[in-house]
């Protein structure tokens, strides 16, 4: 997307009272052994943050990287270092968009809920993006929405940014974990959406839920209908 197009998107969104978010390119690994990969990843994120700033988007969502040969502790320390640098560069450019770290759906990918919460506590300017399907896949077809929201309580969030879809996953041998395979429609009930909607309403959370279903608009309306069935008025 060009900078001019980003600006135009922001103007149209403002005209129609639509909140925007940005998803950075998928080709990102901030903790790669290859320095060129790290620098290219950081450039892609900063390019996304510049466009987000021009369109007045609230958050730039990022898949942060892969453990590779690093221990989880080493990966965390390197991630803190790279994210601090990114946030500093964004601030010096006058971009105030939040850098959102998405929960990952594969065991080799950095991004459990616990890791991202800890990162957000260490690096101001970062936020968590809860992808329920990814959490469900990584936990081998299990998700407890109440537990998920309890885990992010230390961040004292005024607003929660989320993704939702169905997901097909594969078990990881001898680990009790799983890896995401591909996204599915919400009526696959893998995971179920209605319990999530109930938990959100029970906790009176302010949320944005982005549909990542293969039928984006249809499933966005399906989620809206479930909230309305539960008594929420848009």
C-alpha atoms as a PDB file:
ATOM      1  CA  UNK A   1       0.000   0.000   0.000  1.00  0.00           C
ATOM      2  CA  UNK A   2       1.347   3.413  -0.938  1.00  0.00           C
ATOM      3  CA  UNK A   3       1.479   6.229   1.626  1.00  0.00           C
ATOM      4  CA  UNK A   4      -1.086   8.182  -0.387  1.00  0.00           C
ATOM      5  CA  UNK A   5      -3.485   5.221  -0.374  1.00  0.00           C
ATOM      6  CA  UNK A   6      -3.001   4.799   3.376  1.00  0.00           C
ATOM      7  CA  UNK A   7      -3.935   8.443   3.876  1.00  0.00           C
ATOM      8  CA  UNK A   8      -7.012   8.042   1.673  1.00  0.00           C
ATOM      9  CA  UNK A   9      -8.100   4.898   3.580  1.00  0.00           C
ATOM     10  CA  UNK A  10      -7.882   6.841   6.816  1.00  0.00           C
ATOM     11  CA  UNK A  11     -10.011   9.669   5.443  1.00  0.00           C
ATOM     12  CA  UNK A  12     -12.725   7.274   4.205  1.00  0.00           C
ATOM     13  CA  UNK A  13     -12.694   5.332   7.491  1.00  0.00           C
ATOM     14  CA  UNK A  14     -13.119   8.564   9.436  1.00  0.00           C
ATOM     15  CA  UNK A  15     -15.993   9.612   7.184  1.00  0.00           C
ATOM     16  CA  UNK A  16     -17.863   6.351   7.890  1.00  0.00           C
ATOM     17  CA  UNK A  17     -16.781   6.024  11.557  1.00  0.00           C
ATOM     18  CA  UNK A  18     -14.821   2.786  11.000  1.00  0.00           C
ATOM     19  CA  UNK A  19     -11.917   1.812  13.276  1.00  0.00           C
ATOM     20  CA  UNK A  20      -8.913   0.475  11.403  1.00  0.00           C
ATOM     21  CA  UNK A  21      -6.138  -1.948  12.267  1.00  0.00           C
ATOM     22  CA  UNK A  22      -3.196  -3.128  10.175  1.00  0.00           C
ATOM     23  CA  UNK A  23      -1.712  -6.609   9.847  1.00  0.00           C
ATOM     24  CA  UNK A  24       2.001  -6.494   9.058  1.00  0.00           C
ATOM     25  CA  UNK A  25       3.381  -8.887   6.380  1.00  0.00           C
ATOM     26  CA  UNK A  26       3.736 -12.524   7.444  1.00  0.00           C
ATOM     27  CA  UNK A  27       7.401 -12.699   6.402  1.00  0.00           C
ATOM     28  CA  UNK A  28       8.719 -11.609   9.784  1.00  0.00           C
ATOM     29  CA  UNK A  29      11.161 -13.165  12.232  1.00  0.00           C
ATOM     30  CA  UNK A  30      12.580 -10.716  14.754  1.00  0.00           C
ATOM     31  CA  UNK A  31      14.801 -13.337  16.420  1.00  0.00           C
ATOM     32  CA  UNK A  32      16.272 -15.084  13.381  1.00  0.00           C
ATOM     33  CA  UNK A  33      19.938 -16.156  13.386  1.00  0.00           C
ATOM     34  CA  UNK A  34      20.223 -14.260  10.102  1.00  0.00           C
ATOM     35  CA  UNK A  35      20.786 -10.534  10.754  1.00  0.00           C
ATOM     36  CA  UNK A  36      19.488  -9.623   7.279  1.00  0.00           C
ATOM     37  CA  UNK A  37      16.193 -11.402   8.060  1.00  0.00           C
ATOM     38  CA  UNK A  38      15.884  -9.452  11.321  1.00  0.00           C
ATOM     39  CA  UNK A  39      16.554  -6.102   9.645  1.00  0.00           C
ATOM     40  CA  UNK A  40      14.152  -6.870   6.781  1.00  0.00           C
ATOM     41  CA  UNK A  41      11.507  -7.876   9.348  1.00  0.00           C
ATOM     42  CA  UNK A  42      11.955  -4.630  11.257  1.00  0.00           C
ATOM     43  CA  UNK A  43      11.652  -2.610   8.042  1.00  0.00           C
ATOM     44  CA  UNK A  44       8.370  -4.369   7.178  1.00  0.00           C
ATOM     45  CA  UNK A  45       6.999  -3.590  10.638  1.00  0.00           C
ATOM     46  CA  UNK A  46       8.097   0.060  10.524  1.00  0.00           C
ATOM     47  CA  UNK A  47       6.616   0.435   7.014  1.00  0.00           C
ATOM     48  CA  UNK A  48       3.345  -0.961   8.402  1.00  0.00           C
ATOM     49  CA  UNK A  49       3.464   1.399  11.389  1.00  0.00           C
ATOM     50  CA  UNK A  50       4.009   4.390   9.097  1.00  0.00           C
ATOM     51  CA  UNK A  51       0.943   3.470   7.062  1.00  0.00           C
ATOM     52  CA  UNK A  52      -1.066   2.780  10.206  1.00  0.00           C
ATOM     53  CA  UNK A  53      -0.182   6.227  11.492  1.00  0.00           C
ATOM     54  CA  UNK A  54      -1.295   7.866   8.231  1.00  0.00           C
ATOM     55  CA  UNK A  55      -4.651   6.064   8.313  1.00  0.00           C
ATOM     56  CA  UNK A  56      -5.067   6.613  12.073  1.00  0.00           C
ATOM     57  CA  UNK A  57      -5.208   2.855  12.753  1.00  0.00           C
ATOM     58  CA  UNK A  58      -5.155   1.798  16.404  1.00  0.00           C
ATOM     59  CA  UNK A  59      -2.832  -1.188  16.150  1.00  0.00           C
ATOM     60  CA  UNK A  60      -0.345  -2.989  13.889  1.00  0.00           C
ATOM     61  CA  UNK A  61      -0.606  -6.759  14.338  1.00  0.00           C
ATOM     62  CA  UNK A  62       2.604  -8.790  14.058  1.00  0.00           C
ATOM     63  CA  UNK A  63       3.619 -12.458  14.062  1.00  0.00           C
ATOM     64  CA  UNK A  64       6.856 -11.928  15.966  1.00  0.00           C
ATOM     65  CA  UNK A  65       9.034 -14.909  15.014  1.00  0.00           C
ATOM     66  CA  UNK A  66      10.270 -18.436  15.687  1.00  0.00           C
ATOM     67  CA  UNK A  67      12.320 -19.948  18.502  1.00  0.00           C
ATOM     68  CA  UNK A  68      14.693 -21.717  16.109  1.00  0.00           C
ATOM     69  CA  UNK A  69      17.682 -22.998  18.093  1.00  0.00           C
ATOM     70  CA  UNK A  70      17.104 -20.527  20.921  1.00  0.00           C
ATOM     71  CA  UNK A  71      15.772 -21.511  24.316  1.00  0.00           C
ATOM     72  CA  UNK A  72      12.513 -19.800  25.245  1.00  0.00           C
ATOM     73  CA  UNK A  73      14.435 -17.581  27.675  1.00  0.00           C
ATOM     74  CA  UNK A  74      16.952 -16.559  24.997  1.00  0.00           C
ATOM     75  CA  UNK A  75      14.146 -15.946  22.500  1.00  0.00           C
ATOM     76  CA  UNK A  76      12.322 -13.738  25.001  1.00  0.00           C
ATOM     77  CA  UNK A  77      15.430 -11.639  25.749  1.00  0.00           C
ATOM     78  CA  UNK A  78      16.171 -11.120  22.049  1.00  0.00           C
ATOM     79  CA  UNK A  79      12.545 -10.239  21.377  1.00  0.00           C
ATOM     80  CA  UNK A  80      12.583  -7.574  24.103  1.00  0.00           C
ATOM     81  CA  UNK A  81      15.701  -6.036  22.561  1.00  0.00           C
ATOM     82  CA  UNK A  82      14.229  -5.882  19.042  1.00  0.00           C
ATOM     83  CA  UNK A  83      10.820  -4.607  20.148  1.00  0.00           C
ATOM     84  CA  UNK A  84      12.334  -1.815  22.252  1.00  0.00           C
ATOM     85  CA  UNK A  85      14.276  -0.693  19.190  1.00  0.00           C
ATOM     86  CA  UNK A  86      11.132  -0.775  17.017  1.00  0.00           C
ATOM     87  CA  UNK A  87       9.033   1.162  19.540  1.00  0.00           C
ATOM     88  CA  UNK A  88      11.796   3.778  19.953  1.00  0.00           C
ATOM     89  CA  UNK A  89      12.084   4.241  16.177  1.00  0.00           C
ATOM     90  CA  UNK A  90       8.312   4.538  15.798  1.00  0.00           C
ATOM     91  CA  UNK A  91       8.112   7.132  18.586  1.00  0.00           C
ATOM     92  CA  UNK A  92      10.958   9.176  17.117  1.00  0.00           C
ATOM     93  CA  UNK A  93       9.014   9.225  13.829  1.00  0.00           C
ATOM     94  CA  UNK A  94       5.898  10.458  15.635  1.00  0.00           C
ATOM     95  CA  UNK A  95       3.889   7.250  15.122  1.00  0.00           C
ATOM     96  CA  UNK A  96       1.768   6.403  18.160  1.00  0.00           C
ATOM     97  CA  UNK A  97       0.133   3.209  16.858  1.00  0.00           C
ATOM     98  CA  UNK A  98       0.301   0.239  19.221  1.00  0.00           C
ATOM     99  CA  UNK A  99       2.501  -2.693  18.144  1.00  0.00           C
ATOM    100  CA  UNK A 100       0.278  -5.749  18.640  1.00  0.00           C
ATOM    101  CA  UNK A 101       1.867  -9.160  19.186  1.00  0.00           C
ATOM    102  CA  UNK A 102      -0.419 -11.960  18.045  1.00  0.00           C
ATOM    103  CA  UNK A 103      -0.714 -15.246  19.924  1.00  0.00           C
ATOM    104  CA  UNK A 104       0.727 -17.973  17.722  1.00  0.00           C
ATOM    105  CA  UNK A 105      -0.770 -21.266  16.562  1.00  0.00           C
ATOM    106  CA  UNK A 106       2.403 -23.355  16.266  1.00  0.00           C
ATOM    107  CA  UNK A 107       4.683 -24.698  18.985  1.00  0.00           C
ATOM    108  CA  UNK A 108       7.825 -23.479  17.207  1.00  0.00           C
ATOM    109  CA  UNK A 109       6.443 -19.940  16.944  1.00  0.00           C
ATOM    110  CA  UNK A 110       7.066 -17.351  19.645  1.00  0.00           C
ATOM    111  CA  UNK A 111       3.812 -16.147  21.152  1.00  0.00           C
ATOM    112  CA  UNK A 112       2.032 -17.894  23.993  1.00  0.00           C
ATOM    113  CA  UNK A 113      -0.353 -15.682  25.967  1.00  0.00           C
ATOM    114  CA  UNK A 114       2.056 -15.763  28.922  1.00  0.00           C
ATOM    115  CA  UNK A 115       5.063 -14.742  26.785  1.00  0.00           C
ATOM    116  CA  UNK A 116       3.249 -11.817  25.208  1.00  0.00           C
ATOM    117  CA  UNK A 117       1.835 -10.561  28.523  1.00  0.00           C
ATOM    118  CA  UNK A 118       5.358 -10.586  29.972  1.00  0.00           C
ATOM    119  CA  UNK A 119       6.683  -8.784  26.882  1.00  0.00           C
ATOM    120  CA  UNK A 120       4.020  -6.091  27.126  1.00  0.00           C
ATOM    121  CA  UNK A 121       5.007  -5.516  30.752  1.00  0.00           C
ATOM    122  CA  UNK A 122       8.649  -5.077  29.678  1.00  0.00           C
ATOM    123  CA  UNK A 123       8.150  -3.036  26.496  1.00  0.00           C
ATOM    124  CA  UNK A 124       5.747  -0.111  26.688  1.00  0.00           C
ATOM    125  CA  UNK A 125       4.105   0.511  23.329  1.00  0.00           C
ATOM    126  CA  UNK A 126       3.397  -3.173  22.730  1.00  0.00           C
ATOM    127  CA  UNK A 127       0.025  -4.877  23.125  1.00  0.00           C
ATOM    128  CA  UNK A 128      -1.416  -8.372  22.935  1.00  0.00           C
ATOM    129  CA  UNK A 129      -3.648  -9.649  20.132  1.00  0.00           C
ATOM    130  CA  UNK A 130      -5.630 -12.710  21.209  1.00  0.00           C
ATOM    131  CA  UNK A 131      -6.158 -15.121  18.331  1.00  0.00           C
ATOM    132  CA  UNK A 132      -8.582 -17.644  19.801  1.00  0.00           C
ATOM    133  CA  UNK A 133      -8.143 -20.125  16.932  1.00  0.00           C
ATOM    134  CA  UNK A 134      -4.361 -20.093  17.362  1.00  0.00           C
ATOM    135  CA  UNK A 135      -4.625 -20.664  21.109  1.00  0.00           C
ATOM    136  CA  UNK A 136      -7.103 -23.499  20.471  1.00  0.00           C
ATOM    137  CA  UNK A 137      -4.764 -25.164  17.939  1.00  0.00           C
ATOM    138  CA  UNK A 138      -1.625 -24.796  20.045  1.00  0.00           C
ATOM    139  CA  UNK A 139      -3.452 -26.291  23.028  1.00  0.00           C
ATOM    140  CA  UNK A 140      -4.485 -29.314  20.928  1.00  0.00           C
ATOM    141  CA  UNK A 141      -8.147 -28.410  20.553  1.00  0.00           C
ATOM    142  CA  UNK A 142      -8.759 -26.888  23.979  1.00  0.00           C
ATOM    143  CA  UNK A 143      -9.494 -23.318  25.057  1.00  0.00           C
ATOM    144  CA  UNK A 144     -10.836 -21.838  28.272  1.00  0.00           C
ATOM    145  CA  UNK A 145     -11.970 -18.287  27.502  1.00  0.00           C
ATOM    146  CA  UNK A 146     -12.231 -17.318  31.162  1.00  0.00           C
ATOM    147  CA  UNK A 147      -8.656 -18.484  31.761  1.00  0.00           C
ATOM    148  CA  UNK A 148      -7.492 -16.630  28.629  1.00  0.00           C
ATOM    149  CA  UNK A 149      -8.904 -13.321  29.880  1.00  0.00           C
ATOM    150  CA  UNK A 150      -7.584 -13.921  33.409  1.00  0.00           C
ATOM    151  CA  UNK A 151      -4.066 -14.310  31.976  1.00  0.00           C
ATOM    152  CA  UNK A 152      -4.172 -10.831  30.416  1.00  0.00           C
ATOM    153  CA  UNK A 153      -5.546  -9.124  33.552  1.00  0.00           C
ATOM    154  CA  UNK A 154      -2.085  -7.846  34.647  1.00  0.00           C
ATOM    155  CA  UNK A 155      -2.087  -5.590  31.554  1.00  0.00           C
ATOM    156  CA  UNK A 156      -5.180  -3.662  32.757  1.00  0.00           C
ATOM    157  CA  UNK A 157      -6.429  -3.226  29.200  1.00  0.00           C
ATOM    158  CA  UNK A 158      -9.183  -0.745  28.366  1.00  0.00           C
ATOM    159  CA  UNK A 159      -9.655  -2.473  25.007  1.00  0.00           C
ATOM    160  CA  UNK A 160      -8.918  -6.010  23.762  1.00  0.00           C
ATOM    161  CA  UNK A 161      -8.019  -6.661  20.119  1.00  0.00           C
ATOM    162  CA  UNK A 162      -8.874 -10.184  18.936  1.00  0.00           C
ATOM    163  CA  UNK A 163      -9.031 -12.470  15.908  1.00  0.00           C
ATOM    164  CA  UNK A 164     -11.525 -15.286  15.476  1.00  0.00           C
ATOM    165  CA  UNK A 165     -12.171 -18.120  13.021  1.00  0.00           C
ATOM    166  CA  UNK A 166     -12.502 -21.876  13.008  1.00  0.00           C
ATOM    167  CA  UNK A 167      -9.249 -23.778  12.648  1.00  0.00           C
ATOM    168  CA  UNK A 168      -7.981 -27.196  11.592  1.00  0.00           C
ATOM    169  CA  UNK A 169      -4.977 -28.334  13.611  1.00  0.00           C
ATOM    170  CA  UNK A 170      -2.573 -31.270  13.767  1.00  0.00           C
ATOM    171  CA  UNK A 171      -1.199 -32.897  16.940  1.00  0.00           C
ATOM    172  CA  UNK A 172       2.500 -32.541  17.707  1.00  0.00           C
ATOM    173  CA  UNK A 173       3.895 -35.944  18.681  1.00  0.00           C
ATOM    174  CA  UNK A 174       4.658 -36.592  22.345  1.00  0.00           C
ATOM    175  CA  UNK A 175       3.953 -33.007  23.430  1.00  0.00           C
ATOM    176  CA  UNK A 176       0.215 -32.814  24.041  1.00  0.00           C
ATOM    177  CA  UNK A 177       0.287 -29.680  21.872  1.00  0.00           C
ATOM    178  CA  UNK A 178      -0.898 -28.894  18.364  1.00  0.00           C
ATOM    179  CA  UNK A 179      -0.036 -26.840  15.289  1.00  0.00           C
ATOM    180  CA  UNK A 180      -2.503 -24.806  13.251  1.00  0.00           C
ATOM    181  CA  UNK A 181      -3.099 -26.186   9.756  1.00  0.00           C
ATOM    182  CA  UNK A 182      -5.665 -23.939   8.066  1.00  0.00           C
ATOM    183  CA  UNK A 183      -8.500 -21.577   8.979  1.00  0.00           C
ATOM    184  CA  UNK A 184     -12.117 -22.724   8.710  1.00  0.00           C
ATOM    185  CA  UNK A 185     -15.552 -21.124   8.875  1.00  0.00           C
ATOM    186  CA  UNK A 186     -16.933 -20.304  12.315  1.00  0.00           C
ATOM    187  CA  UNK A 187     -19.784 -22.818  12.124  1.00  0.00           C
ATOM    188  CA  UNK A 188     -17.128 -25.569  12.214  1.00  0.00           C
ATOM    189  CA  UNK A 189     -17.225 -24.838  15.986  1.00  0.00           C
ATOM    190  CA  UNK A 190     -13.501 -25.459  16.277  1.00  0.00           C
ATOM    191  CA  UNK A 191     -13.416 -23.507  18.581  1.00  0.00           C
ATOM    192  CA  UNK A 192     -16.985 -22.432  19.459  1.00  0.00           C
ATOM    193  CA  UNK A 193     -17.729 -18.720  19.306  1.00  0.00           C
ATOM    194  CA  UNK A 194     -20.794 -18.462  21.536  1.00  0.00           C
ATOM    195  CA  UNK A 195     -18.934 -19.257  24.814  1.00  0.00           C
ATOM    196  CA  UNK A 196     -16.453 -16.497  23.914  1.00  0.00           C
ATOM    197  CA  UNK A 197     -19.289 -14.013  23.302  1.00  0.00           C
ATOM    198  CA  UNK A 198     -20.855 -14.969  26.652  1.00  0.00           C
ATOM    199  CA  UNK A 199     -17.538 -14.442  28.463  1.00  0.00           C
ATOM    200  CA  UNK A 200     -17.028 -11.037  26.827  1.00  0.00           C
ATOM    201  CA  UNK A 201     -20.520  -9.894  27.834  1.00  0.00           C
ATOM    202  CA  UNK A 202     -20.175 -11.325  31.345  1.00  0.00           C
ATOM    203  CA  UNK A 203     -16.925  -9.399  31.857  1.00  0.00           C
ATOM    204  CA  UNK A 204     -18.283  -6.275  30.068  1.00  0.00           C
ATOM    205  CA  UNK A 205     -15.158  -6.115  27.928  1.00  0.00           C
ATOM    206  CA  UNK A 206     -14.570  -3.529  25.214  1.00  0.00           C
ATOM    207  CA  UNK A 207     -13.346  -5.626  22.276  1.00  0.00           C
ATOM    208  CA  UNK A 208     -12.610  -5.579  18.578  1.00  0.00           C
ATOM    209  CA  UNK A 209     -12.981  -8.997  16.938  1.00  0.00           C
ATOM    210  CA  UNK A 210     -11.551  -9.390  13.444  1.00  0.00           C
ATOM    211  CA  UNK A 211     -12.960 -12.245  11.377  1.00  0.00           C
ATOM    212  CA  UNK A 212     -10.190 -14.438   9.928  1.00  0.00           C
ATOM    213  CA  UNK A 213     -12.639 -16.922   8.454  1.00  0.00           C
ATOM    214  CA  UNK A 214     -12.438 -17.955   4.771  1.00  0.00           C
ATOM    215  CA  UNK A 215     -15.794 -16.131   4.441  1.00  0.00           C
ATOM    216  CA  UNK A 216     -14.865 -12.894   6.215  1.00  0.00           C
ATOM    217  CA  UNK A 217     -18.028 -10.805   5.854  1.00  0.00           C
ATOM    218  CA  UNK A 218     -20.444 -13.722   6.295  1.00  0.00           C
ATOM    219  CA  UNK A 219     -18.809 -14.813   9.543  1.00  0.00           C
ATOM    220  CA  UNK A 220     -18.517 -11.232  10.797  1.00  0.00           C
ATOM    221  CA  UNK A 221     -22.312 -11.043  10.529  1.00  0.00           C
ATOM    222  CA  UNK A 222     -22.631 -14.493  12.115  1.00  0.00           C
ATOM    223  CA  UNK A 223     -20.669 -13.278  15.175  1.00  0.00           C
ATOM    224  CA  UNK A 224     -22.841 -10.153  15.317  1.00  0.00           C
ATOM    225  CA  UNK A 225     -25.973 -12.317  15.266  1.00  0.00           C
ATOM    226  CA  UNK A 226     -24.686 -14.423  18.169  1.00  0.00           C
ATOM    227  CA  UNK A 227     -24.074 -11.312  20.278  1.00  0.00           C
ATOM    228  CA  UNK A 228     -27.588 -10.077  19.452  1.00  0.00           C
ATOM    229  CA  UNK A 229     -29.066 -13.476  20.344  1.00  0.00           C
ATOM    230  CA  UNK A 230     -27.343 -13.115  23.727  1.00  0.00           C
ATOM    231  CA  UNK A 231     -29.026  -9.738  24.240  1.00  0.00           C
ATOM    232  CA  UNK A 232     -26.340  -7.287  23.133  1.00  0.00           C
ATOM    233  CA  UNK A 233     -27.614  -4.284  21.143  1.00  0.00           C
ATOM    234  CA  UNK A 234     -25.218  -2.783  18.570  1.00  0.00           C
END
